[in-house]
Amino acid sequence: MAVTATAAAGAVTAMGLAASPAAATPTNTTALRPGGTCTAADLGTRHPYIKTTEVSPTITHFKGWYVTEGTTGSQTISTSTQTTISVSVGLNGNDQGSFAVETLGTVGASLGLNVQVNYSSTSSASNSVTWNFSQPGYYGVYKGTKKVTGTYGSLNCNRVQQDGGSWVLKWIEGPGSGSFTTYTTLEEGAVRCQDMVPAGSIMTKAQELLDCGSAAAKAEHPAGAVAPTAKEKRDRLVQRPALTSGTSAEQRKATGRSARAALNCEPGAYKIAVPGKPLSWGAPLLAADGVRLRPSTIFSAHLDNWRLCNVTENNGVLEASLWNWGNGGCATIAAQNAATEQAVVQTAPCAEDDLQRFYIYRDVPGSSKIGVQNKYTGSMMGHDRYADGEFIRQYSSGRQDGTGTYTLIGV
């Protein structure tokens, strides 16, 4: 691969990257929608927005129970698992990155419900229900919840050209969408066929399991458990739902590491620097090390110089491989760390692999500020603190303090 140290001023101008304006504070993420205004500090962030929601009362534990005269009062009843609901976002059902938590938090806020935002399952809940039976009768003893499902999209900040030719920063629908499942707090109780209950409530769902029109429901029974109805047996088959598919970046399949790619690189080289400060991305000499913030000196050996290769552009967003001049490798997230929050960016032999592809979100022309997102994981690149030797890491929602915004400076 022939590489020269030719100045890249022309390439920078063509991409609309030059001197950067003053930093701005990140945008408030409340009710973000495509087309909303963002700032340069938001270039390194990513947020969900909720497209659709559905709330359905669901019985998770159930037992038919007959109370006779003389057996009323408080009783503790062991129920059977009816339906299992597990919290999931995208295909990574137990992914607890900040993007997944923010997605579910946004769902709860939009519906006015207190939903689970950490991975959990209703199957782990105790199945014992203690209830005070004041009257004899045929009861459905239950635990239930409101199952919340829907779809989400992903928002990224990027420059958009207006009709008059001017440029502004707006939230655009970026790569990454999928489905979610969560549930509200479990409630428990007991209900009879003759009880009047609110339509569409959890109690109504429990009453339906009693199969109140059947002969079994009307028959006399000894006190205690009643054999499951046909409906209850059918509904017990509804267990943990299959995780739904989507088109999210975190759901894509990696193409695998094939033979070394023949990269078509832009002529210029760049530093990916912290705005207004001397530290920039520095590639490692050792494969086991990661990309770190390093000062640029005469001893940097081009480890701080990057080229954009196999560049494409879609709706104003660049996609490129980041080839390092100093060690000849491409920036990547290691496959075994792809689902790990705060995984370190490394370099590896260049290959046709989505783990080595990055989206670049740009500030308006005249500014060199950018945000960087891994194509496969969907996570934004950033750092914990500004310090020599600090790793560049992936954050599923980016760094909300603006430290995920960098400058792309031609060298």
Foldseek 3Di string as FASTA:
>chain_A
DDADADFCPVVCQVLLADAADDADAFDDPQQADFFAATGLLQQQFKAKHFDDKDKAKDFQWKFKFFFDPPRFFKDKDFTHGQAKEWWQDAQRGQQLFPRQLRVVVNVCVVVVAAKDSHTDMPVPDGRIDIDGGPDTAIKMKTKIWMKMKGKMFMWHWFWDADPVGFIGITIHGDAFMFMTIIIGDIDIDMDHLPDDDDPRHNNVVSNVQCVCVDPQRVDDDDGTTDPGDPVSVVSSVHYYDNGTHDRHLQRDDKPDFDPFDPWAWDNFKWAWAFRPDQWTWFADPDQVDFTFTAGDDPPSQQRRIWIFTPWDDDNSKIKTWTAGPRNRWTWFFDPVCLSPAFGFIHTDRHGRIQRRMWIWHQGTRVHQKIWIARRRSCFTWFFDDDDHGTTITTHNGGDSRSRRITGIGTD
